[in-house]
Amino acid sequence: WVRLIKPTALNAWQNMDLWQFSAMFVVACIC
């Protein structure tokens, strides 16, 4: 969580458009 998932999610949130992050969010949960 601390080393991989949380920083990856935060980095994506800061660098993606909202629609891109929304799609990534759904895919990430399933994966």
PDB file of all heavy atoms in Angstrom:
ATOM      1  N   TRP A   1       0.818  -1.204   0.000  1.00  0.00           N
ATOM      2  CA  TRP A   1       0.000   0.000   0.000  1.00  0.00           C
ATOM      3  C   TRP A   1       0.857   1.263   0.000  1.00  0.00           C
ATOM      4  O   TRP A   1       0.698   2.136  -0.853  1.00  0.00           O
ATOM      5  CB  TRP A   1      -0.931  -0.033   1.211  1.00  0.00           C
ATOM      6  CG  TRP A   1      -1.629   1.253   1.476  1.00  0.00           C
ATOM      7  CD1 TRP A   1      -1.388   2.141   2.493  1.00  0.00           C
ATOM      8  CD2 TRP A   1      -2.671   1.834   0.707  1.00  0.00           C
ATOM      9  NE1 TRP A   1      -2.213   3.218   2.396  1.00  0.00           N
ATOM     10  CE2 TRP A   1      -3.022   3.059   1.315  1.00  0.00           C
ATOM     11  CE3 TRP A   1      -3.351   1.428  -0.441  1.00  0.00           C
ATOM     12  CZ2 TRP A   1      -4.019   3.875   0.813  1.00  0.00           C
ATOM     13  CZ3 TRP A   1      -4.347   2.251  -0.946  1.00  0.00           C
ATOM     14  CH2 TRP A   1      -4.672   3.454  -0.320  1.00  0.00           C
ATOM     15  N   VAL A   2       1.769   1.358   0.944  1.00  0.00           N
ATOM     16  CA  VAL A   2       2.568   2.583   1.108  1.00  0.00           C
ATOM     17  C   VAL A   2       3.591   2.742  -0.004  1.00  0.00           C
ATOM     18  O   VAL A   2       3.817   3.853  -0.491  1.00  0.00           O
ATOM     19  CB  VAL A   2       3.264   2.587   2.483  1.00  0.00           C
ATOM     20  CG1 VAL A   2       4.180   3.791   2.630  1.00  0.00           C
ATOM     21  CG2 VAL A   2       2.232   2.583   3.606  1.00  0.00           C
ATOM     22  N   ARG A   3       4.170   1.654  -0.419  1.00  0.00           N
ATOM     23  CA  ARG A   3       5.260   1.738  -1.391  1.00  0.00           C
ATOM     24  C   ARG A   3       4.804   1.743  -2.839  1.00  0.00           C
ATOM     25  O   ARG A   3       5.519   2.218  -3.721  1.00  0.00           O
ATOM     26  CB  ARG A   3       6.237   0.572  -1.176  1.00  0.00           C
ATOM     27  CG  ARG A   3       6.941   0.619   0.168  1.00  0.00           C
ATOM     28  CD  ARG A   3       7.650  -0.684   0.481  1.00  0.00           C
ATOM     29  NE  ARG A   3       8.649  -1.035  -0.508  1.00  0.00           N
ATOM     30  CZ  ARG A   3       9.894  -1.429  -0.217  1.00  0.00           C
ATOM     31  NH1 ARG A   3      10.272  -1.501   1.050  1.00  0.00           N
ATOM     32  NH2 ARG A   3      10.729  -1.760  -1.158  1.00  0.00           N
ATOM     33  N   LEU A   4       3.612   1.206  -3.114  1.00  0.00           N
ATOM     34  CA  LEU A   4       3.192   1.046  -4.509  1.00  0.00           C
ATOM     35  C   LEU A   4       1.846   1.682  -4.829  1.00  0.00           C
ATOM     36  O   LEU A   4       1.766   2.604  -5.655  1.00  0.00           O
ATOM     37  CB  LEU A   4       3.161  -0.445  -4.859  1.00  0.00           C
ATOM     38  CG  LEU A   4       2.703  -0.813  -6.278  1.00  0.00           C
ATOM     39  CD1 LEU A   4       3.652  -0.210  -7.298  1.00  0.00           C
ATOM     40  CD2 LEU A   4       2.609  -2.322  -6.439  1.00  0.00           C
ATOM     41  N   ILE A   5       0.787   1.203  -4.174  1.00  0.00           N
ATOM     42  CA  ILE A   5      -0.560   1.581  -4.598  1.00  0.00           C
ATOM     43  C   ILE A   5      -0.864   3.049  -4.314  1.00  0.00           C
ATOM     44  O   ILE A   5      -1.309   3.791  -5.206  1.00  0.00           O
ATOM     45  CB  ILE A   5      -1.607   0.676  -3.929  1.00  0.00           C
ATOM     46  CG1 ILE A   5      -1.438  -0.768  -4.412  1.00  0.00           C
ATOM     47  CG2 ILE A   5      -3.026   1.169  -4.229  1.00  0.00           C
ATOM     48  CD1 ILE A   5      -2.407  -1.755  -3.814  1.00  0.00           C
ATOM     49  N   LYS A   6      -0.642   3.499  -3.100  1.00  0.00           N
ATOM     50  CA  LYS A   6      -0.987   4.885  -2.742  1.00  0.00           C
ATOM     51  C   LYS A   6      -0.210   5.908  -3.558  1.00  0.00           C
ATOM     52  O   LYS A   6      -0.823   6.831  -4.137  1.00  0.00           O
ATOM     53  CB  LYS A   6      -0.767   5.111  -1.253  1.00  0.00           C
ATOM     54  CG  LYS A   6      -1.172   6.503  -0.785  1.00  0.00           C
ATOM     55  CD  LYS A   6      -1.029   6.651   0.722  1.00  0.00           C
ATOM     56  CE  LYS A   6      -1.446   8.050   1.161  1.00  0.00           C
ATOM     57  NZ  LYS A   6      -1.348   8.204   2.646  1.00  0.00           N
ATOM     58  N   PRO A   7       1.127   5.814  -3.669  1.00  0.00           N
ATOM     59  CA  PRO A   7       1.836   6.816  -4.480  1.00  0.00           C
ATOM     60  C   PRO A   7       1.466   6.765  -5.958  1.00  0.00           C
ATOM     61  O   PRO A   7       1.435   7.802  -6.630  1.00  0.00           O
ATOM     62  CB  PRO A   7       3.318   6.464  -4.262  1.00  0.00           C
ATOM     63  CG  PRO A   7       3.336   5.078  -3.733  1.00  0.00           C
ATOM     64  CD  PRO A   7       2.059   4.903  -2.980  1.00  0.00           C
ATOM     65  N   THR A   8       1.163   5.555  -6.469  1.00  0.00           N
ATOM     66  CA  THR A   8       0.761   5.441  -7.873  1.00  0.00           C
ATOM     67  C   THR A   8      -0.576   6.139  -8.112  1.00  0.00           C
ATOM     68  O   THR A   8      -0.755   6.854  -9.111  1.00  0.00           O
ATOM     69  CB  THR A   8       0.653   3.963  -8.283  1.00  0.00           C
ATOM     70  OG1 THR A   8       1.912   3.317  -8.093  1.00  0.00           O
ATOM     71  CG2 THR A   8       0.239   3.838  -9.744  1.00  0.00           C
ATOM     72  N   ALA A   9      -1.528   5.927  -7.190  1.00  0.00           N
ATOM     73  CA  ALA A   9      -2.839   6.574  -7.318  1.00  0.00           C
ATOM     74  C   ALA A   9      -2.715   8.091  -7.224  1.00  0.00           C
ATOM     75  O   ALA A   9      -3.330   8.827  -7.999  1.00  0.00           O
ATOM     76  CB  ALA A   9      -3.776   6.054  -6.237  1.00  0.00           C
ATOM     77  N   LEU A  10      -1.908   8.564  -6.290  1.00  0.00           N
ATOM     78  CA  LEU A  10      -1.737  10.006  -6.114  1.00  0.00           C
ATOM     79  C   LEU A  10      -1.053  10.633  -7.325  1.00  0.00           C
ATOM     80  O   LEU A  10      -1.444  11.720  -7.784  1.00  0.00           O
ATOM     81  CB  LEU A  10      -0.922  10.280  -4.847  1.00  0.00           C
ATOM     82  CG  LEU A  10      -0.775  11.743  -4.426  1.00  0.00           C
ATOM     83  CD1 LEU A  10      -2.141  12.380  -4.220  1.00  0.00           C
ATOM     84  CD2 LEU A  10       0.056  11.849  -3.159  1.00  0.00           C
ATOM     85  N   ASN A  11      -0.068   9.967  -7.870  1.00  0.00           N
ATOM     86  CA  ASN A  11       0.624  10.473  -9.058  1.00  0.00           C
ATOM     87  C   ASN A  11      -0.323  10.533 -10.255  1.00  0.00           C
ATOM     88  O   ASN A  11      -0.318  11.508 -11.025  1.00  0.00           O
ATOM     89  CB  ASN A  11       1.824   9.581  -9.372  1.00  0.00           C
ATOM     90  CG  ASN A  11       2.591  10.061 -10.589  1.00  0.00           C
ATOM     91  OD1 ASN A  11       3.210  11.129 -10.590  1.00  0.00           O
ATOM     92  ND2 ASN A  11       2.572   9.268 -11.649  1.00  0.00           N
ATOM     93  N   ALA A  12      -1.147   9.496 -10.417  1.00  0.00           N
ATOM     94  CA  ALA A  12      -2.113   9.488 -11.521  1.00  0.00           C
ATOM     95  C   ALA A  12      -3.139  10.609 -11.356  1.00  0.00           C
ATOM     96  O   ALA A  12      -3.523  11.267 -12.334  1.00  0.00           O
ATOM     97  CB  ALA A  12      -2.821   8.136 -11.580  1.00  0.00           C
ATOM     98  N   TRP A  13      -3.597  10.829 -10.136  1.00  0.00           N
ATOM     99  CA  TRP A  13      -4.567  11.889  -9.849  1.00  0.00           C
ATOM    100  C   TRP A  13      -4.005  13.270 -10.202  1.00  0.00           C
ATOM    101  O   TRP A  13      -4.711  14.131 -10.719  1.00  0.00           O
ATOM    102  CB  TRP A  13      -4.953  11.831  -8.380  1.00  0.00           C
ATOM    103  CG  TRP A  13      -5.863  12.923  -7.909  1.00  0.00           C
ATOM    104  CD1 TRP A  13      -5.523  14.026  -7.184  1.00  0.00           C
ATOM    105  CD2 TRP A  13      -7.274  13.028  -8.131  1.00  0.00           C
ATOM    106  NE1 TRP A  13      -6.620  14.804  -6.923  1.00  0.00           N
ATOM    107  CE2 TRP A  13      -7.711  14.216  -7.492  1.00  0.00           C
ATOM    108  CE3 TRP A  13      -8.208  12.227  -8.794  1.00  0.00           C
ATOM    109  CZ2 TRP A  13      -9.041  14.613  -7.505  1.00  0.00           C
ATOM    110  CZ3 TRP A  13      -9.540  12.638  -8.811  1.00  0.00           C
ATOM    111  CH2 TRP A  13      -9.949  13.809  -8.173  1.00  0.00           C
ATOM    112  N   GLN A  14      -2.740  13.469  -9.949  1.00  0.00           N
ATOM    113  CA  GLN A  14      -2.112  14.773 -10.184  1.00  0.00           C
ATOM    114  C   GLN A  14      -1.760  15.012 -11.645  1.00  0.00           C
ATOM    115  O   GLN A  14      -1.603  16.169 -12.060  1.00  0.00           O
ATOM    116  CB  GLN A  14      -0.848  14.894  -9.324  1.00  0.00           C
ATOM    117  CG  GLN A  14      -1.127  14.940  -7.835  1.00  0.00           C
ATOM    118  CD  GLN A  14       0.128  14.837  -7.001  1.00  0.00           C
ATOM    119  OE1 GLN A  14       1.200  14.430  -7.490  1.00  0.00           O
ATOM    120  NE2 GLN A  14       0.037  15.198  -5.722  1.00  0.00           N
ATOM    121  N   ASN A  15      -1.660  13.939 -12.429  1.00  0.00           N
ATOM    122  CA  ASN A  15      -1.173  14.098 -13.799  1.00  0.00           C
ATOM    123  C   ASN A  15      -2.168  13.690 -14.881  1.00  0.00           C
ATOM    124  O   ASN A  15      -1.868  13.819 -16.066  1.00  0.00           O
ATOM    125  CB  ASN A  15       0.115  13.286 -13.987  1.00  0.00           C
ATOM    126  CG  ASN A  15       1.265  13.825 -13.159  1.00  0.00           C
ATOM    127  OD1 ASN A  15       1.863  14.845 -13.489  1.00  0.00           O
ATOM    128  ND2 ASN A  15       1.580  13.149 -12.058  1.00  0.00           N
ATOM    129  N   MET A  16      -3.330  13.198 -14.495  1.00  0.00           N
ATOM    130  CA  MET A  16      -4.336  12.776 -15.468  1.00  0.00           C
ATOM    131  C   MET A  16      -5.532  13.704 -15.465  1.00  0.00           C
ATOM    132  O   MET A  16      -5.841  14.341 -14.441  1.00  0.00           O
ATOM    133  CB  MET A  16      -4.825  11.353 -15.164  1.00  0.00           C
ATOM    134  CG  MET A  16      -3.866  10.242 -15.508  1.00  0.00           C
ATOM    135  SD  MET A  16      -4.624   8.613 -15.165  1.00  0.00           S
ATOM    136  CE  MET A  16      -3.401   7.527 -15.873  1.00  0.00           C
ATOM    137  N   ASP A  17      -6.204  13.767 -16.605  1.00  0.00           N
ATOM    138  CA  ASP A  17      -7.507  14.421 -16.643  1.00  0.00           C
ATOM    139  C   ASP A  17      -8.487  13.594 -15.816  1.00  0.00           C
ATOM    140  O   ASP A  17      -8.274  12.387 -15.612  1.00  0.00           O
ATOM    141  CB  ASP A  17      -8.011  14.544 -18.082  1.00  0.00           C
ATOM    142  CG  ASP A  17      -7.176  15.522 -18.896  1.00  0.00           C
ATOM    143  OD1 ASP A  17      -6.571  16.425 -18.296  1.00  0.00           O
ATOM    144  OD2 ASP A  17      -7.107  15.339 -20.127  1.00  0.00           O
ATOM    145  N   LEU A  18      -9.576  14.218 -15.394  1.00  0.00           N
ATOM    146  CA  LEU A  18     -10.509  13.528 -14.516  1.00  0.00           C
ATOM    147  C   LEU A  18     -11.116  12.306 -15.191  1.00  0.00           C
ATOM    148  O   LEU A  18     -11.255  11.245 -14.563  1.00  0.00           O
ATOM    149  CB  LEU A  18     -11.624  14.490 -14.068  1.00  0.00           C
ATOM    150  CG  LEU A  18     -12.591  13.940 -13.022  1.00  0.00           C
ATOM    151  CD1 LEU A  18     -11.852  13.471 -11.781  1.00  0.00           C
ATOM    152  CD2 LEU A  18     -13.642  14.983 -12.650  1.00  0.00           C
ATOM    153  N   TRP A  19     -11.471  12.404 -16.464  1.00  0.00           N
ATOM    154  CA  TRP A  19     -12.064  11.257 -17.156  1.00  0.00           C
ATOM    155  C   TRP A  19     -11.058  10.126 -17.308  1.00  0.00           C
ATOM    156  O   TRP A  19     -11.421   8.941 -17.209  1.00  0.00           O
ATOM    157  CB  TRP A  19     -12.617  11.674 -18.518  1.00  0.00           C
ATOM    158  CG  TRP A  19     -11.577  11.966 -19.567  1.00  0.00           C
ATOM    159  CD1 TRP A  19     -11.017  13.178 -19.859  1.00  0.00           C
ATOM    160  CD2 TRP A  19     -10.972  11.013 -20.458  1.00  0.00           C
ATOM    161  NE1 TRP A  19     -10.096  13.059 -20.869  1.00  0.00           N
ATOM    162  CE2 TRP A  19     -10.054  11.737 -21.261  1.00  0.00           C
ATOM    163  CE3 TRP A  19     -11.114   9.646 -20.654  1.00  0.00           C
ATOM    164  CZ2 TRP A  19      -9.277  11.127 -22.241  1.00  0.00           C
ATOM    165  CZ3 TRP A  19     -10.337   9.027 -21.632  1.00  0.00           C
ATOM    166  CH2 TRP A  19      -9.438   9.769 -22.413  1.00  0.00           C
ATOM    167  N   GLN A  20      -9.787  10.474 -17.512  1.00  0.00           N
ATOM    168  CA  GLN A  20      -8.751   9.452 -17.612  1.00  0.00           C
ATOM    169  C   GLN A  20      -8.554   8.746 -16.272  1.00  0.00           C
ATOM    170  O   GLN A  20      -8.440   7.521 -16.207  1.00  0.00           O
ATOM    171  CB  GLN A  20      -7.433  10.080 -18.059  1.00  0.00           C
ATOM    172  CG  GLN A  20      -7.440  10.614 -19.483  1.00  0.00           C
ATOM    173  CD  GLN A  20      -6.152  11.341 -19.827  1.00  0.00           C
ATOM    174  OE1 GLN A  20      -5.600  12.077 -19.009  1.00  0.00           O
ATOM    175  NE2 GLN A  20      -5.670  11.143 -21.043  1.00  0.00           N
ATOM    176  N   PHE A  21      -8.522   9.543 -15.214  1.00  0.00           N
ATOM    177  CA  PHE A  21      -8.346   8.946 -13.889  1.00  0.00           C
ATOM    178  C   PHE A  21      -9.545   8.083 -13.527  1.00  0.00           C
ATOM    179  O   PHE A  21      -9.383   7.026 -12.907  1.00  0.00           O
ATOM    180  CB  PHE A  21      -8.155  10.033 -12.827  1.00  0.00           C
ATOM    181  CG  PHE A  21      -7.905   9.470 -11.452  1.00  0.00           C
ATOM    182  CD1 PHE A  21      -6.629   9.110 -11.063  1.00  0.00           C
ATOM    183  CD2 PHE A  21      -8.947   9.280 -10.554  1.00  0.00           C
ATOM    184  CE1 PHE A  21      -6.384   8.568  -9.806  1.00  0.00           C
ATOM    185  CE2 PHE A  21      -8.723   8.747  -9.298  1.00  0.00           C
ATOM    186  CZ  PHE A  21      -7.428   8.389  -8.923  1.00  0.00           C
ATOM    187  N   SER A  22     -10.745   8.522 -13.900  1.00  0.00           N
ATOM    188  CA  SER A  22     -11.952   7.747 -13.600  1.00  0.00           C
ATOM    189  C   SER A  22     -11.882   6.371 -14.253  1.00  0.00           C
ATOM    190  O   SER A  22     -12.209   5.353 -13.626  1.00  0.00           O
ATOM    191  CB  SER A  22     -13.198   8.489 -14.084  1.00  0.00           C
ATOM    192  OG  SER A  22     -13.320   9.747 -13.436  1.00  0.00           O
ATOM    193  N   ALA A  23     -11.447   6.339 -15.519  1.00  0.00           N
ATOM    194  CA  ALA A  23     -11.309   5.061 -16.218  1.00  0.00           C
ATOM    195  C   ALA A  23     -10.234   4.205 -15.559  1.00  0.00           C
ATOM    196  O   ALA A  23     -10.417   2.996 -15.349  1.00  0.00           O
ATOM    197  CB  ALA A  23     -10.974   5.302 -17.685  1.00  0.00           C
ATOM    198  N   MET A  24      -9.108   4.840 -15.222  1.00  0.00           N
ATOM    199  CA  MET A  24      -8.026   4.110 -14.569  1.00  0.00           C
ATOM    200  C   MET A  24      -8.461   3.588 -13.205  1.00  0.00           C
ATOM    201  O   MET A  24      -8.083   2.487 -12.793  1.00  0.00           O
ATOM    202  CB  MET A  24      -6.813   5.016 -14.407  1.00  0.00           C
ATOM    203  CG  MET A  24      -5.560   4.291 -13.934  1.00  0.00           C
ATOM    204  SD  MET A  24      -4.582   5.218 -12.729  1.00  0.00           S
ATOM    205  CE  MET A  24      -5.623   5.189 -11.275  1.00  0.00           C
ATOM    206  N   PHE A  25      -9.268   4.360 -12.503  1.00  0.00           N
ATOM    207  CA  PHE A  25      -9.764   3.997 -11.171  1.00  0.00           C
ATOM    208  C   PHE A  25     -10.559   2.690 -11.238  1.00  0.00           C
ATOM    209  O   PHE A  25     -10.326   1.765 -10.450  1.00  0.00           O
ATOM    210  CB  PHE A  25     -10.636   5.133 -10.638  1.00  0.00           C
ATOM    211  CG  PHE A  25     -11.243   4.879  -9.286  1.00  0.00           C
ATOM    212  CD1 PHE A  25     -10.568   5.243  -8.136  1.00  0.00           C
ATOM    213  CD2 PHE A  25     -12.497   4.292  -9.168  1.00  0.00           C
ATOM    214  CE1 PHE A  25     -11.130   5.013  -6.888  1.00  0.00           C
ATOM    215  CE2 PHE A  25     -13.057   4.057  -7.933  1.00  0.00           C
ATOM    216  CZ  PHE A  25     -12.370   4.421  -6.789  1.00  0.00           C
ATOM    217  N   VAL A  26     -11.479   2.607 -12.188  1.00  0.00           N
ATOM    218  CA  VAL A  26     -12.302   1.403 -12.343  1.00  0.00           C
ATOM    219  C   VAL A  26     -11.442   0.210 -12.726  1.00  0.00           C
ATOM    220  O   VAL A  26     -11.554  -0.883 -12.142  1.00  0.00           O
ATOM    221  CB  VAL A  26     -13.407   1.631 -13.398  1.00  0.00           C
ATOM    222  CG1 VAL A  26     -14.170   0.331 -13.650  1.00  0.00           C
ATOM    223  CG2 VAL A  26     -14.361   2.729 -12.942  1.00  0.00           C
ATOM    224  N   VAL A  27     -10.562   0.415 -13.697  1.00  0.00           N
ATOM    225  CA  VAL A  27      -9.691  -0.673 -14.147  1.00  0.00           C
ATOM    226  C   VAL A  27      -8.776  -1.133 -13.017  1.00  0.00           C
ATOM    227  O   VAL A  27      -8.554  -2.334 -12.826  1.00  0.00           O
ATOM    228  CB  VAL A  27      -8.858  -0.228 -15.370  1.00  0.00           C
ATOM    229  CG1 VAL A  27      -7.814  -1.287 -15.722  1.00  0.00           C
ATOM    230  CG2 VAL A  27      -9.765   0.030 -16.562  1.00  0.00           C
ATOM    231  N   ALA A  28      -8.242  -0.192 -12.249  1.00  0.00           N
ATOM    232  CA  ALA A  28      -7.331  -0.530 -11.153  1.00  0.00           C
ATOM    233  C   ALA A  28      -8.028  -1.361 -10.088  1.00  0.00           C
ATOM    234  O   ALA A  28      -7.466  -2.337  -9.586  1.00  0.00           O
ATOM    235  CB  ALA A  28      -6.761   0.752 -10.536  1.00  0.00           C
ATOM    236  N   CYS A  29      -9.268  -0.992  -9.735  1.00  0.00           N
ATOM    237  CA  CYS A  29     -10.018  -1.758  -8.734  1.00  0.00           C
ATOM    238  C   CYS A  29     -10.207  -3.200  -9.186  1.00  0.00           C
ATOM    239  O   CYS A  29     -10.001  -4.144  -8.413  1.00  0.00           O
ATOM    240  CB  CYS A  29     -11.377  -1.107  -8.486  1.00  0.00           C
ATOM    241  SG  CYS A  29     -11.320   0.441  -7.561  1.00  0.00           S
ATOM    242  N   ILE A  30     -10.593  -3.374 -10.456  1.00  0.00           N
ATOM    243  CA  ILE A  30     -10.825  -4.716 -10.995  1.00  0.00           C
ATOM    244  C   ILE A  30      -9.519  -5.507 -11.064  1.00  0.00           C
ATOM    245  O   ILE A  30      -9.463  -6.685 -10.682  1.00  0.00           O
ATOM    246  CB  ILE A  30     -11.483  -4.628 -12.379  1.00  0.00           C
ATOM    247  CG1 ILE A  30     -12.878  -3.996 -12.267  1.00  0.00           C
ATOM    248  CG2 ILE A  30     -11.580  -6.006 -13.027  1.00  0.00           C
ATOM    249  CD1 ILE A  30     -13.535  -3.711 -13.597  1.00  0.00           C
ATOM    250  N   CYS A  31      -8.446  -4.862 -11.535  1.00  0.00           N
ATOM    251  CA  CYS A  31      -7.161  -5.552 -11.677  1.00  0.00           C
ATOM    252  C   CYS A  31      -6.601  -5.971 -10.322  1.00  0.00           C
ATOM    253  O   CYS A  31      -6.040  -7.069 -10.194  1.00  0.00           O
ATOM    254  CB  CYS A  31      -6.165  -4.654 -12.408  1.00  0.00           C
ATOM    255  SG  CYS A  31      -6.497  -4.469 -14.174  1.00  0.00           S
TER     256      CYS A  31
END
